[in-house]
Amino acid sequence: MSGARPFDWPGLMRAGMQGLGLKPHEFWALTPAELLILMGDEPGVAPMGRAGLEALAARFPDVKDDHDG
C-alpha cells in the first residue's frame, strides 16, 4: 500500500459529529457517499446571487393587506 494516504478518521469524525451534529451511531451508519453529500462535497447548484434574488422578489413581491397590523 505504498503511496496511499492514510484515511483521516479523526477529521471525518470531527466533521460529522461536531460540524454536522451527528450522534456517533448516526455517523457510523452513514456510507462514505452519504457523508460526502452531507458535508457538501458533491457539486450542486450554486447559491442564488443578487440578480436571482432580485428576480425572485420581483416575481413574488411582499404585499401588505388590510389584515396586517
PDB file of N, CA and C in Angstrom:
ATOM      1  N   MET A   1       0.825  -1.183   0.000  1.00  0.00           N
ATOM      2  CA  MET A   1       0.000   0.000   0.000  1.00  0.00           C
ATOM      3  C   MET A   1       0.872   1.250   0.000  1.00  0.00           C
ATOM      4  N   SER A   2       1.989   1.196  -0.688  1.00  0.00           N
ATOM      5  CA  SER A   2       2.868   2.354  -0.719  1.00  0.00           C
ATOM      6  C   SER A   2       2.238   3.465  -1.540  1.00  0.00           C
ATOM      7  N   GLY A   3       2.453   4.699  -1.112  1.00  0.00           N
ATOM      8  CA  GLY A   3       1.891   5.841  -1.808  1.00  0.00           C
ATOM      9  C   GLY A   3       0.463   6.173  -1.412  1.00  0.00           C
ATOM     10  N   ALA A   4      -0.196   5.288  -0.696  1.00  0.00           N
ATOM     11  CA  ALA A   4      -1.571   5.556  -0.277  1.00  0.00           C
ATOM     12  C   ALA A   4      -1.573   6.493   0.933  1.00  0.00           C
ATOM     13  N   ARG A   5      -2.492   7.436   0.914  1.00  0.00           N
ATOM     14  CA  ARG A   5      -2.607   8.344   2.045  1.00  0.00           C
ATOM     15  C   ARG A   5      -3.470   7.692   3.116  1.00  0.00           C
ATOM     16  N   PRO A   6      -3.109   7.891   4.380  1.00  0.00           N
ATOM     17  CA  PRO A   6      -3.950   7.337   5.453  1.00  0.00           C
ATOM     18  C   PRO A   6      -5.301   8.047   5.486  1.00  0.00           C
ATOM     19  N   PHE A   7      -6.309   7.310   5.850  1.00  0.00           N
ATOM     20  CA  PHE A   7      -7.665   7.858   5.938  1.00  0.00           C
ATOM     21  C   PHE A   7      -7.777   8.682   7.205  1.00  0.00           C
ATOM     22  N   ASP A   8      -8.270   9.881   7.109  1.00  0.00           N
ATOM     23  CA  ASP A   8      -8.339  10.806   8.246  1.00  0.00           C
ATOM     24  C   ASP A   8      -9.627  10.585   9.051  1.00  0.00           C
ATOM     25  N   TRP A   9      -9.685   9.477   9.787  1.00  0.00           N
ATOM     26  CA  TRP A   9     -10.869   9.187  10.597  1.00  0.00           C
ATOM     27  C   TRP A   9     -11.141  10.261  11.644  1.00  0.00           C
ATOM     28  N   PRO A  10     -10.132  10.731  12.385  1.00  0.00           N
ATOM     29  CA  PRO A  10     -10.418  11.774  13.376  1.00  0.00           C
ATOM     30  C   PRO A  10     -11.014  13.036  12.742  1.00  0.00           C
ATOM     31  N   GLY A  11     -10.498  13.424  11.582  1.00  0.00           N
ATOM     32  CA  GLY A  11     -11.038  14.601  10.895  1.00  0.00           C
ATOM     33  C   GLY A  11     -12.467  14.388  10.438  1.00  0.00           C
ATOM     34  N   LEU A  12     -12.750  13.201   9.888  1.00  0.00           N
ATOM     35  CA  LEU A  12     -14.123  12.897   9.453  1.00  0.00           C
ATOM     36  C   LEU A  12     -15.083  12.824  10.633  1.00  0.00           C
ATOM     37  N   MET A  13     -14.604  12.257  11.739  1.00  0.00           N
ATOM     38  CA  MET A  13     -15.461  12.161  12.925  1.00  0.00           C
ATOM     39  C   MET A  13     -15.764  13.556  13.474  1.00  0.00           C
ATOM     40  N   ARG A  14     -14.749  14.441  13.497  1.00  0.00           N
ATOM     41  CA  ARG A  14     -14.988  15.824  13.938  1.00  0.00           C
ATOM     42  C   ARG A  14     -15.986  16.514  13.021  1.00  0.00           C
ATOM     43  N   ALA A  15     -15.803  16.353  11.715  1.00  0.00           N
ATOM     44  CA  ALA A  15     -16.709  16.984  10.761  1.00  0.00           C
ATOM     45  C   ALA A  15     -18.136  16.457  10.927  1.00  0.00           C
ATOM     46  N   GLY A  16     -18.272  15.160  11.114  1.00  0.00           N
ATOM     47  CA  GLY A  16     -19.607  14.567  11.235  1.00  0.00           C
ATOM     48  C   GLY A  16     -20.277  14.855  12.561  1.00  0.00           C
ATOM     49  N   MET A  17     -19.535  14.689  13.642  1.00  0.00           N
ATOM     50  CA  MET A  17     -20.160  14.806  14.969  1.00  0.00           C
ATOM     51  C   MET A  17     -20.170  16.238  15.493  1.00  0.00           C
ATOM     52  N   GLN A  18     -19.100  16.971  15.275  1.00  0.00           N
ATOM     53  CA  GLN A  18     -19.078  18.358  15.740  1.00  0.00           C
ATOM     54  C   GLN A  18     -19.671  19.289  14.694  1.00  0.00           C
ATOM     55  N   GLY A  19     -19.222  19.157  13.468  1.00  0.00           N
ATOM     56  CA  GLY A  19     -19.680  20.056  12.414  1.00  0.00           C
ATOM     57  C   GLY A  19     -21.123  19.843  12.006  1.00  0.00           C
ATOM     58  N   LEU A  20     -21.504  18.584  11.818  1.00  0.00           N
ATOM     59  CA  LEU A  20     -22.868  18.274  11.372  1.00  0.00           C
ATOM     60  C   LEU A  20     -23.808  17.938  12.523  1.00  0.00           C
ATOM     61  N   GLY A  21     -23.261  17.760  13.711  1.00  0.00           N
ATOM     62  CA  GLY A  21     -24.099  17.453  14.870  1.00  0.00           C
ATOM     63  C   GLY A  21     -24.647  16.036  14.888  1.00  0.00           C
ATOM     64  N   LEU A  22     -23.968  15.111  14.193  1.00  0.00           N
ATOM     65  CA  LEU A  22     -24.435  13.726  14.176  1.00  0.00           C
ATOM     66  C   LEU A  22     -24.068  13.039  15.489  1.00  0.00           C
ATOM     67  N   LYS A  23     -24.916  12.125  15.918  1.00  0.00           N
ATOM     68  CA  LYS A  23     -24.589  11.264  17.051  1.00  0.00           C
ATOM     69  C   LYS A  23     -23.658  10.162  16.529  1.00  0.00           C
ATOM     70  N   PRO A  24     -22.831   9.573  17.400  1.00  0.00           N
ATOM     71  CA  PRO A  24     -21.900   8.546  16.911  1.00  0.00           C
ATOM     72  C   PRO A  24     -22.583   7.438  16.103  1.00  0.00           C
ATOM     73  N   HIS A  25     -23.726   6.947  16.577  1.00  0.00           N
ATOM     74  CA  HIS A  25     -24.375   5.861  15.823  1.00  0.00           C
ATOM     75  C   HIS A  25     -24.880   6.354  14.462  1.00  0.00           C
ATOM     76  N   GLU A  26     -25.249   7.630  14.352  1.00  0.00           N
ATOM     77  CA  GLU A  26     -25.672   8.177  13.064  1.00  0.00           C
ATOM     78  C   GLU A  26     -24.475   8.295  12.117  1.00  0.00           C
ATOM     79  N   PHE A  27     -23.335   8.750  12.660  1.00  0.00           N
ATOM     80  CA  PHE A  27     -22.120   8.866  11.859  1.00  0.00           C
ATOM     81  C   PHE A  27     -21.712   7.508  11.296  1.00  0.00           C
ATOM     82  N   TRP A  28     -21.641   6.503  12.166  1.00  0.00           N
ATOM     83  CA  TRP A  28     -21.155   5.193  11.736  1.00  0.00           C
ATOM     84  C   TRP A  28     -22.159   4.457  10.859  1.00  0.00           C
ATOM     85  N   ALA A  29     -23.424   4.875  10.845  1.00  0.00           N
ATOM     86  CA  ALA A  29     -24.423   4.236   9.987  1.00  0.00           C
ATOM     87  C   ALA A  29     -24.378   4.774   8.553  1.00  0.00           C
ATOM     88  N   LEU A  30     -23.691   5.910   8.345  1.00  0.00           N
ATOM     89  CA  LEU A  30     -23.618   6.514   7.013  1.00  0.00           C
ATOM     90  C   LEU A  30     -22.631   5.771   6.117  1.00  0.00           C
ATOM     91  N   THR A  31     -22.925   5.764   4.835  1.00  0.00           N
ATOM     92  CA  THR A  31     -21.942   5.311   3.859  1.00  0.00           C
ATOM     93  C   THR A  31     -21.000   6.486   3.577  1.00  0.00           C
ATOM     94  N   PRO A  32     -19.810   6.216   3.050  1.00  0.00           N
ATOM     95  CA  PRO A  32     -18.932   7.335   2.695  1.00  0.00           C
ATOM     96  C   PRO A  32     -19.591   8.322   1.727  1.00  0.00           C
ATOM     97  N   ALA A  33     -20.377   7.831   0.782  1.00  0.00           N
ATOM     98  CA  ALA A  33     -21.056   8.717  -0.170  1.00  0.00           C
ATOM     99  C   ALA A  33     -22.060   9.615   0.549  1.00  0.00           C
ATOM    100  N   GLU A  34     -22.814   9.057   1.488  1.00  0.00           N
ATOM    101  CA  GLU A  34     -23.784   9.864   2.240  1.00  0.00           C
ATOM    102  C   GLU A  34     -23.078  10.938   3.067  1.00  0.00           C
ATOM    103  N   LEU A  35     -21.963  10.585   3.679  1.00  0.00           N
ATOM    104  CA  LEU A  35     -21.203  11.555   4.471  1.00  0.00           C
ATOM    105  C   LEU A  35     -20.693  12.686   3.581  1.00  0.00           C
ATOM    106  N   LEU A  36     -20.180  12.350   2.394  1.00  0.00           N
ATOM    107  CA  LEU A  36     -19.709  13.386   1.476  1.00  0.00           C
ATOM    108  C   LEU A  36     -20.833  14.326   1.063  1.00  0.00           C
ATOM    109  N   ILE A  37     -22.015  13.782   0.827  1.00  0.00           N
ATOM    110  CA  ILE A  37     -23.156  14.625   0.459  1.00  0.00           C
ATOM    111  C   ILE A  37     -23.516  15.553   1.613  1.00  0.00           C
ATOM    112  N   LEU A  38     -23.575  15.017   2.832  1.00  0.00           N
ATOM    113  CA  LEU A  38     -23.893  15.853   3.993  1.00  0.00           C
ATOM    114  C   LEU A  38     -22.851  16.940   4.215  1.00  0.00           C
ATOM    115  N   MET A  39     -21.601  16.636   3.897  1.00  0.00           N
ATOM    116  CA  MET A  39     -20.522  17.606   4.086  1.00  0.00           C
ATOM    117  C   MET A  39     -20.463  18.609   2.940  1.00  0.00           C
ATOM    118  N   GLY A  40     -21.290  18.412   1.923  1.00  0.00           N
ATOM    119  CA  GLY A  40     -21.322  19.355   0.815  1.00  0.00           C
ATOM    120  C   GLY A  40     -20.196  19.161  -0.178  1.00  0.00           C
ATOM    121  N   ASP A  41     -19.635  17.960  -0.258  1.00  0.00           N
ATOM    122  CA  ASP A  41     -18.522  17.707  -1.150  1.00  0.00           C
ATOM    123  C   ASP A  41     -18.971  17.424  -2.581  1.00  0.00           C
ATOM    124  N   GLU A  42     -20.240  17.170  -2.771  1.00  0.00           N
ATOM    125  CA  GLU A  42     -20.759  16.913  -4.107  1.00  0.00           C
ATOM    126  C   GLU A  42     -21.053  18.241  -4.799  1.00  0.00           C
ATOM    127  N   PRO A  43     -20.734  18.355  -6.087  1.00  0.00           N
ATOM    128  CA  PRO A  43     -21.096  19.587  -6.788  1.00  0.00           C
ATOM    129  C   PRO A  43     -22.612  19.696  -6.862  1.00  0.00           C
ATOM    130  N   GLY A  44     -23.087  20.867  -6.709  1.00  0.00           N
ATOM    131  CA  GLY A  44     -24.532  21.068  -6.729  1.00  0.00           C
ATOM    132  C   GLY A  44     -24.862  22.412  -7.342  1.00  0.00           C
ATOM    133  N   VAL A  45     -26.030  22.859  -7.075  1.00  0.00           N
ATOM    134  CA  VAL A  45     -26.490  24.134  -7.588  1.00  0.00           C
ATOM    135  C   VAL A  45     -25.773  25.247  -6.830  1.00  0.00           C
ATOM    136  N   ALA A  46     -25.295  26.215  -7.562  1.00  0.00           N
ATOM    137  CA  ALA A  46     -24.626  27.356  -6.937  1.00  0.00           C
ATOM    138  C   ALA A  46     -25.638  28.173  -6.142  1.00  0.00           C
ATOM    139  N   PRO A  47     -25.205  28.826  -5.077  1.00  0.00           N
ATOM    140  CA  PRO A  47     -26.120  29.663  -4.312  1.00  0.00           C
ATOM    141  C   PRO A  47     -26.678  30.785  -5.184  1.00  0.00           C
ATOM    142  N   MET A  48     -27.853  31.249  -4.813  1.00  0.00           N
ATOM    143  CA  MET A  48     -28.501  32.309  -5.562  1.00  0.00           C
ATOM    144  C   MET A  48     -27.706  33.607  -5.407  1.00  0.00           C
ATOM    145  N   GLY A  49     -27.486  34.284  -6.506  1.00  0.00           N
ATOM    146  CA  GLY A  49     -26.795  35.566  -6.497  1.00  0.00           C
ATOM    147  C   GLY A  49     -27.784  36.717  -6.382  1.00  0.00           C
ATOM    148  N   ARG A  50     -27.262  37.922  -6.386  1.00  0.00           N
ATOM    149  CA  ARG A  50     -28.078  39.137  -6.250  1.00  0.00           C
ATOM    150  C   ARG A  50     -29.136  39.222  -7.354  1.00  0.00           C
ATOM    151  N   ALA A  51     -28.751  38.947  -8.599  1.00  0.00           N
ATOM    152  CA  ALA A  51     -29.699  39.039  -9.719  1.00  0.00           C
ATOM    153  C   ALA A  51     -30.846  38.037  -9.546  1.00  0.00           C
ATOM    154  N   GLY A  52     -30.520  36.833  -9.106  1.00  0.00           N
ATOM    155  CA  GLY A  52     -31.558  35.828  -8.885  1.00  0.00           C
ATOM    156  C   GLY A  52     -32.509  36.233  -7.774  1.00  0.00           C
ATOM    157  N   LEU A  53     -31.958  36.805  -6.698  1.00  0.00           N
ATOM    158  CA  LEU A  53     -32.790  37.265  -5.589  1.00  0.00           C
ATOM    159  C   LEU A  53     -33.714  38.391  -6.029  1.00  0.00           C
ATOM    160  N   GLU A  54     -33.174  39.343  -6.795  1.00  0.00           N
ATOM    161  CA  GLU A  54     -33.999  40.455  -7.268  1.00  0.00           C
ATOM    162  C   GLU A  54     -35.094  39.976  -8.211  1.00  0.00           C
ATOM    163  N   ALA A  55     -34.794  39.018  -9.069  1.00  0.00           N
ATOM    164  CA  ALA A  55     -35.808  38.465  -9.971  1.00  0.00           C
ATOM    165  C   ALA A  55     -36.897  37.748  -9.178  1.00  0.00           C
ATOM    166  N   LEU A  56     -36.493  37.012  -8.149  1.00  0.00           N
ATOM    167  CA  LEU A  56     -37.466  36.315  -7.307  1.00  0.00           C
ATOM    168  C   LEU A  56     -38.342  37.312  -6.548  1.00  0.00           C
ATOM    169  N   ALA A  57     -37.745  38.369  -6.012  1.00  0.00           N
ATOM    170  CA  ALA A  57     -38.512  39.395  -5.289  1.00  0.00           C
ATOM    171  C   ALA A  57     -39.476  40.113  -6.219  1.00  0.00           C
ATOM    172  N   ALA A  58     -39.072  40.347  -7.474  1.00  0.00           N
ATOM    173  CA  ALA A  58     -39.970  40.992  -8.431  1.00  0.00           C
ATOM    174  C   ALA A  58     -41.139  40.075  -8.794  1.00  0.00           C
ATOM    175  N   ARG A  59     -40.857  38.797  -8.852  1.00  0.00           N
ATOM    176  CA  ARG A  59     -41.910  37.837  -9.216  1.00  0.00           C
ATOM    177  C   ARG A  59     -42.887  37.607  -8.070  1.00  0.00           C
ATOM    178  N   PHE A  60     -42.397  37.656  -6.844  1.00  0.00           N
ATOM    179  CA  PHE A  60     -43.231  37.418  -5.667  1.00  0.00           C
ATOM    180  C   PHE A  60     -43.037  38.556  -4.665  1.00  0.00           C
ATOM    181  N   PRO A  61     -43.567  39.741  -4.963  1.00  0.00           N
ATOM    182  CA  PRO A  61     -43.361  40.864  -4.050  1.00  0.00           C
ATOM    183  C   PRO A  61     -44.104  40.683  -2.729  1.00  0.00           C
ATOM    184  N   ASP A  62     -43.544  41.260  -1.685  1.00  0.00           N
ATOM    185  CA  ASP A  62     -44.229  41.288  -0.405  1.00  0.00           C
ATOM    186  C   ASP A  62     -45.386  42.270  -0.519  1.00  0.00           C
ATOM    187  N   VAL A  63     -46.582  41.795  -0.209  1.00  0.00           N
ATOM    188  CA  VAL A  63     -47.767  42.629  -0.294  1.00  0.00           C
ATOM    189  C   VAL A  63     -48.417  42.668   1.070  1.00  0.00           C
ATOM    190  N   LYS A  64     -48.652  43.875   1.558  1.00  0.00           N
ATOM    191  CA  LYS A  64     -49.305  44.043   2.847  1.00  0.00           C
ATOM    192  C   LYS A  64     -50.799  44.213   2.585  1.00  0.00           C
ATOM    193  N   ASP A  65     -51.618  43.363   3.236  1.00  0.00           N
ATOM    194  CA  ASP A  65     -53.058  43.507   3.059  1.00  0.00           C
ATOM    195  C   ASP A  65     -53.662  44.237   4.258  1.00  0.00           C
ATOM    196  N   ASP A  66     -54.973  44.470   4.230  1.00  0.00           N
ATOM    197  CA  ASP A  66     -55.662  45.222   5.288  1.00  0.00           C
ATOM    198  C   ASP A  66     -55.616  44.537   6.634  1.00  0.00           C
ATOM    199  N   HIS A  67     -55.343  43.217   6.654  1.00  0.00           N
ATOM    200  CA  HIS A  67     -55.338  42.466   7.910  1.00  0.00           C
ATOM    201  C   HIS A  67     -53.994  42.527   8.626  1.00  0.00           C
ATOM    202  N   ASP A  68     -52.964  42.998   7.929  1.00  0.00           N
ATOM    203  CA  ASP A  68     -51.662  43.152   8.578  1.00  0.00           C
ATOM    204  C   ASP A  68     -51.665  44.427   9.403  1.00  0.00           C
ATOM    205  N   GLY A  69     -51.055  44.360  10.617  1.00  0.00           N
ATOM    206  CA  GLY A  69     -51.070  45.475  11.541  1.00  0.00           C
ATOM    207  C   GLY A  69     -50.415  46.643  11.064  1.00  0.00           C
TER     208      GLY A  69
END
